[in-house]
Amino acid sequence: MNFTEAFKTSPDNRIDLSTFDPGQTAGFSKDKKYKKLLRAHRETLSRLQYKLAAEQQQSLLIVLQGIDAAGKDGTIRKVFSAFNPQGCPVTPFKAPSKKELDHDYLWRVHQAAPGKGSIGIFNRSHYEDVLVVRVHDYVPESTWSTRYDQINQFEKHLSENGTRIIKFFLCIDSDEQRKRFEARRQDPLKQWKFSKDDLEKRTYWKDYMGAFQDMIDRCSTTEAPWHVVPANNKWFRNLLVAQVTRDVLEDMDPQWPPAEPGINEIEIV
């Protein structure tokens, strides 16, 4: 069995975040073998993206969620930089604009979904509308509680129309978040990523964990399962994410399109 299966949720397989170990590494170690394996994954991802773009029949959506400092940006740099950015836009979902608020909450999300032949990465996503709005009471429970089923239907719609979906929840513990915040605070090159608001949000840790648990439990579907990624060790996070993405793209099995008829008879002068 592929080691990634232990971190994949489904309607019949739930993962309890209260007992989940964010520091586990599934028997792997950070050594030359790991670096070689990650490099091989990245080379394969690049090649598969090229075939996907040539085929122009399928698309792939990658969703990254996690608490502040969980490693969403780092995952994009270390794993998904293997993709040509021309065919792999990254969409960050921050506080919605006035125009976006004039529409339903999935309006801006659907616009950012990848087209045929493309890979799209969501740095945060539509799940913010059952996470931050819930934890900070931006909307009443009667509003956010209906969104789980709406999100499932939205993802099913994408899936039925040719978009494969991979969802990663990057899981770190509170002590690891504290260490990363401290590293940001002390590093002149990273201080811009740290604010006093981050410390205020840390007081909501248990509330966020409860919201993440419900997100995983209620939105792990056959079409779009969650992968709970142990992310205390950045190197293992990268390895797991790369392996899952490679497996999915290989399963999609994009094909080279047929050559134009008569192309072999053309003389280039």
C-alpha atoms as a PDB file:
ATOM      1  CA  MET A   1       0.000   0.000   0.000  1.00  0.00           C
ATOM      2  CA  ASN A   2       1.263   3.478  -0.859  1.00  0.00           C
ATOM      3  CA  PHE A   3       2.291   5.246   2.375  1.00  0.00           C
ATOM      4  CA  THR A   4       0.104   8.223   1.441  1.00  0.00           C
ATOM      5  CA  GLU A   5      -3.085   6.210   1.983  1.00  0.00           C
ATOM      6  CA  ALA A   6      -2.657   6.524   5.757  1.00  0.00           C
ATOM      7  CA  PHE A   7      -3.169  10.282   5.446  1.00  0.00           C
ATOM      8  CA  LYS A   8      -6.126  10.207   3.069  1.00  0.00           C
ATOM      9  CA  THR A   9      -9.616  10.660   4.457  1.00  0.00           C
ATOM     10  CA  SER A  10     -12.870   9.472   2.946  1.00  0.00           C
ATOM     11  CA  PRO A  11     -16.521   9.115   3.953  1.00  0.00           C
ATOM     12  CA  ASP A  12     -15.498   5.817   5.592  1.00  0.00           C
ATOM     13  CA  ASN A  13     -12.100   6.881   6.966  1.00  0.00           C
ATOM     14  CA  ARG A  14     -11.890   9.792   9.374  1.00  0.00           C
ATOM     15  CA  ILE A  15      -8.785  11.231  10.990  1.00  0.00           C
ATOM     16  CA  ASP A  16      -9.063  12.590  14.533  1.00  0.00           C
ATOM     17  CA  LEU A  17      -6.966  15.746  14.762  1.00  0.00           C
ATOM     18  CA  SER A  18      -6.887  15.543  18.555  1.00  0.00           C
ATOM     19  CA  THR A  19      -4.788  12.361  18.376  1.00  0.00           C
ATOM     20  CA  PHE A  20      -3.010  13.028  15.063  1.00  0.00           C
ATOM     21  CA  ASP A  21       0.779  13.436  15.289  1.00  0.00           C
ATOM     22  CA  PRO A  22       1.945  16.379  13.117  1.00  0.00           C
ATOM     23  CA  GLY A  23       5.546  15.277  13.636  1.00  0.00           C
ATOM     24  CA  GLN A  24       5.291  11.773  12.178  1.00  0.00           C
ATOM     25  CA  THR A  25       7.308  10.886   9.088  1.00  0.00           C
ATOM     26  CA  ALA A  26       5.993   7.428   8.095  1.00  0.00           C
ATOM     27  CA  GLY A  27       9.432   5.860   8.535  1.00  0.00           C
ATOM     28  CA  PHE A  28      11.201   8.295   6.207  1.00  0.00           C
ATOM     29  CA  SER A  29      14.260  10.297   7.221  1.00  0.00           C
ATOM     30  CA  LYS A  30      15.759  13.488   5.884  1.00  0.00           C
ATOM     31  CA  ASP A  31      18.763  12.157   3.998  1.00  0.00           C
ATOM     32  CA  LYS A  32      20.187  11.917   0.487  1.00  0.00           C
ATOM     33  CA  LYS A  33      17.593   9.280  -0.421  1.00  0.00           C
ATOM     34  CA  TYR A  34      14.782  11.680   0.455  1.00  0.00           C
ATOM     35  CA  LYS A  35      16.316  14.476  -1.630  1.00  0.00           C
ATOM     36  CA  LYS A  36      16.716  12.145  -4.589  1.00  0.00           C
ATOM     37  CA  LEU A  37      13.111  10.983  -4.285  1.00  0.00           C
ATOM     38  CA  LEU A  38      11.734  14.532  -4.072  1.00  0.00           C
ATOM     39  CA  ARG A  39      13.809  15.524  -7.088  1.00  0.00           C
ATOM     40  CA  ALA A  40      12.384  12.578  -9.043  1.00  0.00           C
ATOM     41  CA  HIS A  41       8.847  13.566  -8.054  1.00  0.00           C
ATOM     42  CA  ARG A  42       9.395  17.136  -9.220  1.00  0.00           C
ATOM     43  CA  GLU A  43      10.785  15.983 -12.573  1.00  0.00           C
ATOM     44  CA  THR A  44       7.778  13.710 -13.066  1.00  0.00           C
ATOM     45  CA  LEU A  45       5.346  16.471 -12.076  1.00  0.00           C
ATOM     46  CA  SER A  46       6.889  18.768 -14.663  1.00  0.00           C
ATOM     47  CA  ARG A  47       6.584  16.137 -17.376  1.00  0.00           C
ATOM     48  CA  LEU A  48       2.985  15.275 -16.489  1.00  0.00           C
ATOM     49  CA  GLN A  49       1.980  18.938 -16.512  1.00  0.00           C
ATOM     50  CA  TYR A  50       3.383  19.233 -20.030  1.00  0.00           C
ATOM     51  CA  LYS A  51       1.258  16.288 -21.188  1.00  0.00           C
ATOM     52  CA  LEU A  52      -1.820  17.672 -19.419  1.00  0.00           C
ATOM     53  CA  ALA A  53      -1.391  21.003 -21.214  1.00  0.00           C
ATOM     54  CA  ALA A  54      -0.954  19.259 -24.567  1.00  0.00           C
ATOM     55  CA  GLU A  55      -4.004  17.054 -24.081  1.00  0.00           C
ATOM     56  CA  GLN A  56      -6.344  19.961 -23.178  1.00  0.00           C
ATOM     57  CA  GLN A  57      -9.039  17.642 -21.822  1.00  0.00           C
ATOM     58  CA  GLN A  58      -8.623  17.614 -18.037  1.00  0.00           C
ATOM     59  CA  SER A  59      -7.652  19.970 -15.238  1.00  0.00           C
ATOM     60  CA  LEU A  60      -6.318  19.649 -11.709  1.00  0.00           C
ATOM     61  CA  LEU A  61      -7.226  21.760  -8.683  1.00  0.00           C
ATOM     62  CA  ILE A  62      -4.933  21.668  -5.632  1.00  0.00           C
ATOM     63  CA  VAL A  63      -6.324  23.123  -2.395  1.00  0.00           C
ATOM     64  CA  LEU A  64      -3.995  24.085   0.468  1.00  0.00           C
ATOM     65  CA  GLN A  65      -5.466  24.794   3.888  1.00  0.00           C
ATOM     66  CA  GLY A  66      -3.845  25.132   7.277  1.00  0.00           C
ATOM     67  CA  ILE A  67      -3.560  27.416  10.229  1.00  0.00           C
ATOM     68  CA  ASP A  68      -1.206  30.423  10.044  1.00  0.00           C
ATOM     69  CA  ALA A  69       2.436  29.317   9.530  1.00  0.00           C
ATOM     70  CA  ALA A  70       1.392  25.777   8.562  1.00  0.00           C
ATOM     71  CA  GLY A  71       3.548  26.004   5.425  1.00  0.00           C
ATOM     72  CA  LYS A  72       1.266  26.776   2.497  1.00  0.00           C
ATOM     73  CA  ASP A  73       3.729  29.174   0.864  1.00  0.00           C
ATOM     74  CA  GLY A  74       6.647  26.842   1.525  1.00  0.00           C
ATOM     75  CA  THR A  75       4.832  23.926  -0.086  1.00  0.00           C
ATOM     76  CA  ILE A  76       4.184  25.991  -3.188  1.00  0.00           C
ATOM     77  CA  ARG A  77       7.872  26.960  -3.398  1.00  0.00           C
ATOM     78  CA  LYS A  78       9.374  23.555  -2.657  1.00  0.00           C
ATOM     79  CA  VAL A  79       6.939  21.283  -4.500  1.00  0.00           C
ATOM     80  CA  PHE A  80       4.798  23.132  -6.991  1.00  0.00           C
ATOM     81  CA  SER A  81       7.574  25.274  -8.435  1.00  0.00           C
ATOM     82  CA  ALA A  82       8.088  22.118 -10.501  1.00  0.00           C
ATOM     83  CA  PHE A  83       5.162  23.337 -12.594  1.00  0.00           C
ATOM     84  CA  ASN A  84       5.437  25.898 -15.369  1.00  0.00           C
ATOM     85  CA  PRO A  85       3.614  28.943 -13.922  1.00  0.00           C
ATOM     86  CA  GLN A  86       2.124  29.677 -17.338  1.00  0.00           C
ATOM     87  CA  GLY A  87      -0.151  26.687 -16.835  1.00  0.00           C
ATOM     88  CA  CYS A  88      -0.348  26.743 -13.053  1.00  0.00           C
ATOM     89  CA  PRO A  89      -1.702  29.945 -11.503  1.00  0.00           C
ATOM     90  CA  VAL A  90      -1.719  30.279  -7.716  1.00  0.00           C
ATOM     91  CA  THR A  91      -4.774  32.024  -6.279  1.00  0.00           C
ATOM     92  CA  PRO A  92      -4.602  33.387  -2.716  1.00  0.00           C
ATOM     93  CA  PHE A  93      -7.998  33.847  -1.091  1.00  0.00           C
ATOM     94  CA  LYS A  94      -7.821  36.771   1.270  1.00  0.00           C
ATOM     95  CA  ALA A  95     -10.637  38.899   2.675  1.00  0.00           C
ATOM     96  CA  PRO A  96     -13.236  39.301  -0.100  1.00  0.00           C
ATOM     97  CA  SER A  97     -13.545  42.619  -1.906  1.00  0.00           C
ATOM     98  CA  LYS A  98     -16.755  44.645  -2.006  1.00  0.00           C
ATOM     99  CA  LYS A  99     -17.472  43.307  -5.492  1.00  0.00           C
ATOM    100  CA  GLU A 100     -16.970  39.745  -4.307  1.00  0.00           C
ATOM    101  CA  LEU A 101     -19.244  40.319  -1.318  1.00  0.00           C
ATOM    102  CA  ASP A 102     -21.969  41.418  -3.739  1.00  0.00           C
ATOM    103  CA  HIS A 103     -22.037  37.823  -5.038  1.00  0.00           C
ATOM    104  CA  ASP A 104     -22.374  34.436  -3.365  1.00  0.00           C
ATOM    105  CA  TYR A 105     -19.242  33.222  -1.591  1.00  0.00           C
ATOM    106  CA  LEU A 106     -18.396  30.660  -4.285  1.00  0.00           C
ATOM    107  CA  TRP A 107     -18.514  33.186  -7.137  1.00  0.00           C
ATOM    108  CA  ARG A 108     -14.874  34.240  -6.849  1.00  0.00           C
ATOM    109  CA  VAL A 109     -13.811  30.639  -6.336  1.00  0.00           C
ATOM    110  CA  HIS A 110     -15.441  29.320  -9.480  1.00  0.00           C
ATOM    111  CA  GLN A 111     -13.783  32.052 -11.530  1.00  0.00           C
ATOM    112  CA  ALA A 112     -10.378  30.859 -10.318  1.00  0.00           C
ATOM    113  CA  ALA A 113     -10.987  27.174 -11.070  1.00  0.00           C
ATOM    114  CA  PRO A 114      -8.488  25.825 -13.633  1.00  0.00           C
ATOM    115  CA  GLY A 115      -9.478  25.423 -17.261  1.00  0.00           C
ATOM    116  CA  LYS A 116      -8.794  22.374 -19.409  1.00  0.00           C
ATOM    117  CA  GLY A 117      -5.103  21.586 -19.607  1.00  0.00           C
ATOM    118  CA  SER A 118      -4.292  23.663 -16.532  1.00  0.00           C
ATOM    119  CA  ILE A 119      -3.398  23.138 -12.886  1.00  0.00           C
ATOM    120  CA  GLY A 120      -4.744  25.586 -10.321  1.00  0.00           C
ATOM    121  CA  ILE A 121      -3.448  26.022  -6.779  1.00  0.00           C
ATOM    122  CA  PHE A 122      -5.596  27.625  -4.100  1.00  0.00           C
ATOM    123  CA  ASN A 123      -3.604  29.141  -1.228  1.00  0.00           C
ATOM    124  CA  ARG A 124      -6.508  29.060   1.206  1.00  0.00           C
ATOM    125  CA  SER A 125      -9.804  28.556  -0.544  1.00  0.00           C
ATOM    126  CA  HIS A 126     -13.587  28.374  -0.361  1.00  0.00           C
ATOM    127  CA  TYR A 127     -13.074  26.624   2.980  1.00  0.00           C
ATOM    128  CA  GLU A 128     -12.346  29.977   4.589  1.00  0.00           C
ATOM    129  CA  ASP A 129     -16.122  30.351   4.511  1.00  0.00           C
ATOM    130  CA  VAL A 130     -16.537  27.544   7.052  1.00  0.00           C
ATOM    131  CA  LEU A 131     -13.365  28.412   8.987  1.00  0.00           C
ATOM    132  CA  VAL A 132     -12.519  32.049   9.690  1.00  0.00           C
ATOM    133  CA  VAL A 133     -16.119  33.232   9.344  1.00  0.00           C
ATOM    134  CA  ARG A 134     -17.148  30.587  11.859  1.00  0.00           C
ATOM    135  CA  VAL A 135     -14.378  31.095  14.399  1.00  0.00           C
ATOM    136  CA  HIS A 136     -14.703  34.880  14.434  1.00  0.00           C
ATOM    137  CA  ASP A 137     -18.510  35.024  14.106  1.00  0.00           C
ATOM    138  CA  TYR A 138     -18.469  36.971  10.841  1.00  0.00           C
ATOM    139  CA  VAL A 139     -21.674  35.216   9.821  1.00  0.00           C
ATOM    140  CA  PRO A 140     -24.257  33.377  11.956  1.00  0.00           C
ATOM    141  CA  GLU A 141     -24.139  29.598  12.369  1.00  0.00           C
ATOM    142  CA  SER A 142     -27.326  29.302  10.336  1.00  0.00           C
ATOM    143  CA  THR A 143     -25.318  30.637   7.382  1.00  0.00           C
ATOM    144  CA  TRP A 144     -21.958  28.814   7.621  1.00  0.00           C
ATOM    145  CA  SER A 145     -23.494  25.495   8.665  1.00  0.00           C
ATOM    146  CA  THR A 146     -25.266  25.155   5.294  1.00  0.00           C
ATOM    147  CA  ARG A 147     -22.061  25.664   3.342  1.00  0.00           C
ATOM    148  CA  TYR A 148     -20.566  22.202   3.828  1.00  0.00           C
ATOM    149  CA  ASP A 149     -23.167  20.604   1.566  1.00  0.00           C
ATOM    150  CA  GLN A 150     -22.923  23.495  -0.894  1.00  0.00           C
ATOM    151  CA  ILE A 151     -19.142  23.060  -1.104  1.00  0.00           C
ATOM    152  CA  ASN A 152     -19.522  19.315  -1.636  1.00  0.00           C
ATOM    153  CA  GLN A 153     -21.944  19.932  -4.489  1.00  0.00           C
ATOM    154  CA  PHE A 154     -19.624  22.548  -5.990  1.00  0.00           C
ATOM    155  CA  GLU A 155     -16.659  20.177  -5.916  1.00  0.00           C
ATOM    156  CA  LYS A 156     -18.783  17.374  -7.341  1.00  0.00           C
ATOM    157  CA  HIS A 157     -19.778  19.682 -10.189  1.00  0.00           C
ATOM    158  CA  LEU A 158     -16.122  20.449 -10.939  1.00  0.00           C
ATOM    159  CA  SER A 159     -15.249  16.763 -10.790  1.00  0.00           C
ATOM    160  CA  GLU A 160     -18.044  15.755 -13.147  1.00  0.00           C
ATOM    161  CA  ASN A 161     -16.816  18.354 -15.618  1.00  0.00           C
ATOM    162  CA  GLY A 162     -13.230  17.173 -15.860  1.00  0.00           C
ATOM    163  CA  THR A 163     -11.447  18.702 -12.858  1.00  0.00           C
ATOM    164  CA  ARG A 164      -9.645  16.414 -10.417  1.00  0.00           C
ATOM    165  CA  ILE A 165      -9.345  17.835  -6.919  1.00  0.00           C
ATOM    166  CA  ILE A 166      -6.619  17.266  -4.330  1.00  0.00           C
ATOM    167  CA  LYS A 167      -7.105  18.847  -0.906  1.00  0.00           C
ATOM    168  CA  PHE A 168      -4.260  19.121   1.584  1.00  0.00           C
ATOM    169  CA  PHE A 169      -4.717  20.138   5.208  1.00  0.00           C
ATOM    170  CA  LEU A 170      -1.243  21.018   6.498  1.00  0.00           C
ATOM    171  CA  CYS A 171      -1.289  20.062  10.166  1.00  0.00           C
ATOM    172  CA  ILE A 172       1.135  21.529  12.701  1.00  0.00           C
ATOM    173  CA  ASP A 173       0.872  21.704  16.473  1.00  0.00           C
ATOM    174  CA  SER A 174       0.695  24.830  18.598  1.00  0.00           C
ATOM    175  CA  ASP A 175       4.328  24.612  19.710  1.00  0.00           C
ATOM    176  CA  GLU A 176       5.528  24.404  16.099  1.00  0.00           C
ATOM    177  CA  GLN A 177       3.449  27.446  15.182  1.00  0.00           C
ATOM    178  CA  ARG A 178       5.008  29.353  18.088  1.00  0.00           C
ATOM    179  CA  LYS A 179       8.515  28.454  16.877  1.00  0.00           C
ATOM    180  CA  ARG A 180       7.726  29.583  13.341  1.00  0.00           C
ATOM    181  CA  PHE A 181       6.209  32.844  14.523  1.00  0.00           C
ATOM    182  CA  GLU A 182       9.318  33.494  16.612  1.00  0.00           C
ATOM    183  CA  ALA A 183      11.557  32.734  13.633  1.00  0.00           C
ATOM    184  CA  ARG A 184       9.594  35.214  11.546  1.00  0.00           C
ATOM    185  CA  ARG A 185       9.792  37.842  14.253  1.00  0.00           C
ATOM    186  CA  GLN A 186      13.571  37.575  14.449  1.00  0.00           C
ATOM    187  CA  ASP A 187      14.336  37.326  10.727  1.00  0.00           C
ATOM    188  CA  PRO A 188      14.498  40.760   9.005  1.00  0.00           C
ATOM    189  CA  LEU A 189      13.589  39.085   5.723  1.00  0.00           C
ATOM    190  CA  LYS A 190      10.466  37.503   7.182  1.00  0.00           C
ATOM    191  CA  GLN A 191       9.232  40.113   9.628  1.00  0.00           C
ATOM    192  CA  TRP A 192       6.774  41.381   7.034  1.00  0.00           C
ATOM    193  CA  LYS A 193       4.917  38.062   7.400  1.00  0.00           C
ATOM    194  CA  PHE A 194       4.420  38.553  11.140  1.00  0.00           C
ATOM    195  CA  SER A 195       1.959  40.848  12.899  1.00  0.00           C
ATOM    196  CA  LYS A 196       0.487  41.266  16.343  1.00  0.00           C
ATOM    197  CA  ASP A 197      -2.779  39.953  14.931  1.00  0.00           C
ATOM    198  CA  ASP A 198      -1.111  36.560  14.575  1.00  0.00           C
ATOM    199  CA  LEU A 199      -0.750  36.352  18.340  1.00  0.00           C
ATOM    200  CA  GLU A 200      -4.376  37.312  18.845  1.00  0.00           C
ATOM    201  CA  LYS A 201      -5.454  34.542  16.458  1.00  0.00           C
ATOM    202  CA  ARG A 202      -3.389  32.034  18.449  1.00  0.00           C
ATOM    203  CA  THR A 203      -5.856  32.431  21.299  1.00  0.00           C
ATOM    204  CA  TYR A 204      -8.448  30.807  19.026  1.00  0.00           C
ATOM    205  CA  TRP A 205      -6.379  27.661  18.483  1.00  0.00           C
ATOM    206  CA  LYS A 206      -8.974  25.221  19.875  1.00  0.00           C
ATOM    207  CA  ASP A 207     -11.761  26.912  17.936  1.00  0.00           C
ATOM    208  CA  TYR A 208      -9.799  26.617  14.702  1.00  0.00           C
ATOM    209  CA  MET A 209      -8.987  22.964  15.360  1.00  0.00           C
ATOM    210  CA  GLY A 210     -12.675  22.260  15.875  1.00  0.00           C
ATOM    211  CA  ALA A 211     -13.503  24.045  12.631  1.00  0.00           C
ATOM    212  CA  PHE A 212     -10.791  22.149  10.753  1.00  0.00           C
ATOM    213  CA  GLN A 213     -12.086  18.857  12.143  1.00  0.00           C
ATOM    214  CA  ASP A 214     -15.610  19.567  10.919  1.00  0.00           C
ATOM    215  CA  MET A 215     -14.241  20.688   7.548  1.00  0.00           C
ATOM    216  CA  ILE A 216     -12.439  17.373   7.132  1.00  0.00           C
ATOM    217  CA  ASP A 217     -15.289  15.237   8.458  1.00  0.00           C
ATOM    218  CA  ARG A 218     -18.032  16.879   6.430  1.00  0.00           C
ATOM    219  CA  CYS A 219     -16.160  17.563   3.185  1.00  0.00           C
ATOM    220  CA  SER A 220     -14.133  14.412   2.605  1.00  0.00           C
ATOM    221  CA  THR A 221     -15.933  12.962  -0.383  1.00  0.00           C
ATOM    222  CA  THR A 222     -15.185  10.339  -2.995  1.00  0.00           C
ATOM    223  CA  GLU A 223     -14.652  13.091  -5.561  1.00  0.00           C
ATOM    224  CA  ALA A 224     -12.535  15.323  -3.338  1.00  0.00           C
ATOM    225  CA  PRO A 225     -10.959  13.646  -0.290  1.00  0.00           C
ATOM    226  CA  TRP A 226      -8.833  15.512   2.230  1.00  0.00           C
ATOM    227  CA  HIS A 227      -5.234  14.520   2.874  1.00  0.00           C
ATOM    228  CA  VAL A 228      -4.131  15.397   6.399  1.00  0.00           C
ATOM    229  CA  VAL A 229      -0.431  16.191   6.068  1.00  0.00           C
ATOM    230  CA  PRO A 230       1.905  16.010   9.094  1.00  0.00           C
ATOM    231  CA  ALA A 231       3.635  19.349   8.557  1.00  0.00           C
ATOM    232  CA  ASN A 232       5.884  19.903  11.596  1.00  0.00           C
ATOM    233  CA  ASN A 233       8.734  18.538   9.480  1.00  0.00           C
ATOM    234  CA  LYS A 234       8.777  20.595   6.317  1.00  0.00           C
ATOM    235  CA  TRP A 235      10.768  18.025   4.355  1.00  0.00           C
ATOM    236  CA  PHE A 236       8.208  15.273   5.011  1.00  0.00           C
ATOM    237  CA  ARG A 237       5.362  17.647   4.195  1.00  0.00           C
ATOM    238  CA  ASN A 238       6.972  18.259   0.815  1.00  0.00           C
ATOM    239  CA  LEU A 239       7.548  14.565   0.163  1.00  0.00           C
ATOM    240  CA  LEU A 240       3.967  13.593   0.986  1.00  0.00           C
ATOM    241  CA  VAL A 241       2.400  16.392  -1.043  1.00  0.00           C
ATOM    242  CA  ALA A 242       4.631  15.645  -4.027  1.00  0.00           C
ATOM    243  CA  GLN A 243       3.853  11.922  -3.885  1.00  0.00           C
ATOM    244  CA  VAL A 244       0.080  12.431  -3.693  1.00  0.00           C
ATOM    245  CA  THR A 245       0.110  14.952  -6.542  1.00  0.00           C
ATOM    246  CA  ARG A 246       2.226  12.659  -8.694  1.00  0.00           C
ATOM    247  CA  ASP A 247      -0.087   9.714  -7.998  1.00  0.00           C
ATOM    248  CA  VAL A 248      -3.168  11.705  -9.001  1.00  0.00           C
ATOM    249  CA  LEU A 249      -1.629  13.063 -12.199  1.00  0.00           C
ATOM    250  CA  GLU A 250      -0.442   9.583 -13.162  1.00  0.00           C
ATOM    251  CA  ASP A 251      -3.948   8.279 -12.547  1.00  0.00           C
ATOM    252  CA  MET A 252      -5.360  11.057 -14.755  1.00  0.00           C
ATOM    253  CA  ASP A 253      -3.008   9.678 -17.416  1.00  0.00           C
ATOM    254  CA  PRO A 254      -2.979  12.629 -19.856  1.00  0.00           C
ATOM    255  CA  GLN A 255      -2.270  11.611 -23.439  1.00  0.00           C
ATOM    256  CA  TRP A 256      -0.397  13.289 -26.241  1.00  0.00           C
ATOM    257  CA  PRO A 257      -2.844  14.565 -28.853  1.00  0.00           C
ATOM    258  CA  PRO A 258      -2.611  13.021 -32.335  1.00  0.00           C
ATOM    259  CA  ALA A 259      -0.451  14.814 -34.855  1.00  0.00           C
ATOM    260  CA  GLU A 260      -2.070  16.870 -37.585  1.00  0.00           C
ATOM    261  CA  PRO A 261      -2.866  14.671 -40.629  1.00  0.00           C
ATOM    262  CA  GLY A 262      -0.168  14.795 -43.275  1.00  0.00           C
ATOM    263  CA  ILE A 263       2.400  16.402 -41.026  1.00  0.00           C
ATOM    264  CA  ASN A 264       5.068  13.881 -42.022  1.00  0.00           C
ATOM    265  CA  GLU A 265       4.719  14.920 -45.658  1.00  0.00           C
ATOM    266  CA  ILE A 266       5.346  18.594 -44.931  1.00  0.00           C
ATOM    267  CA  GLU A 267       8.681  19.968 -46.111  1.00  0.00           C
ATOM    268  CA  ILE A 268      10.077  22.843 -44.081  1.00  0.00           C
ATOM    269  CA  VAL A 269      12.146  25.167 -46.243  1.00  0.00           C
END
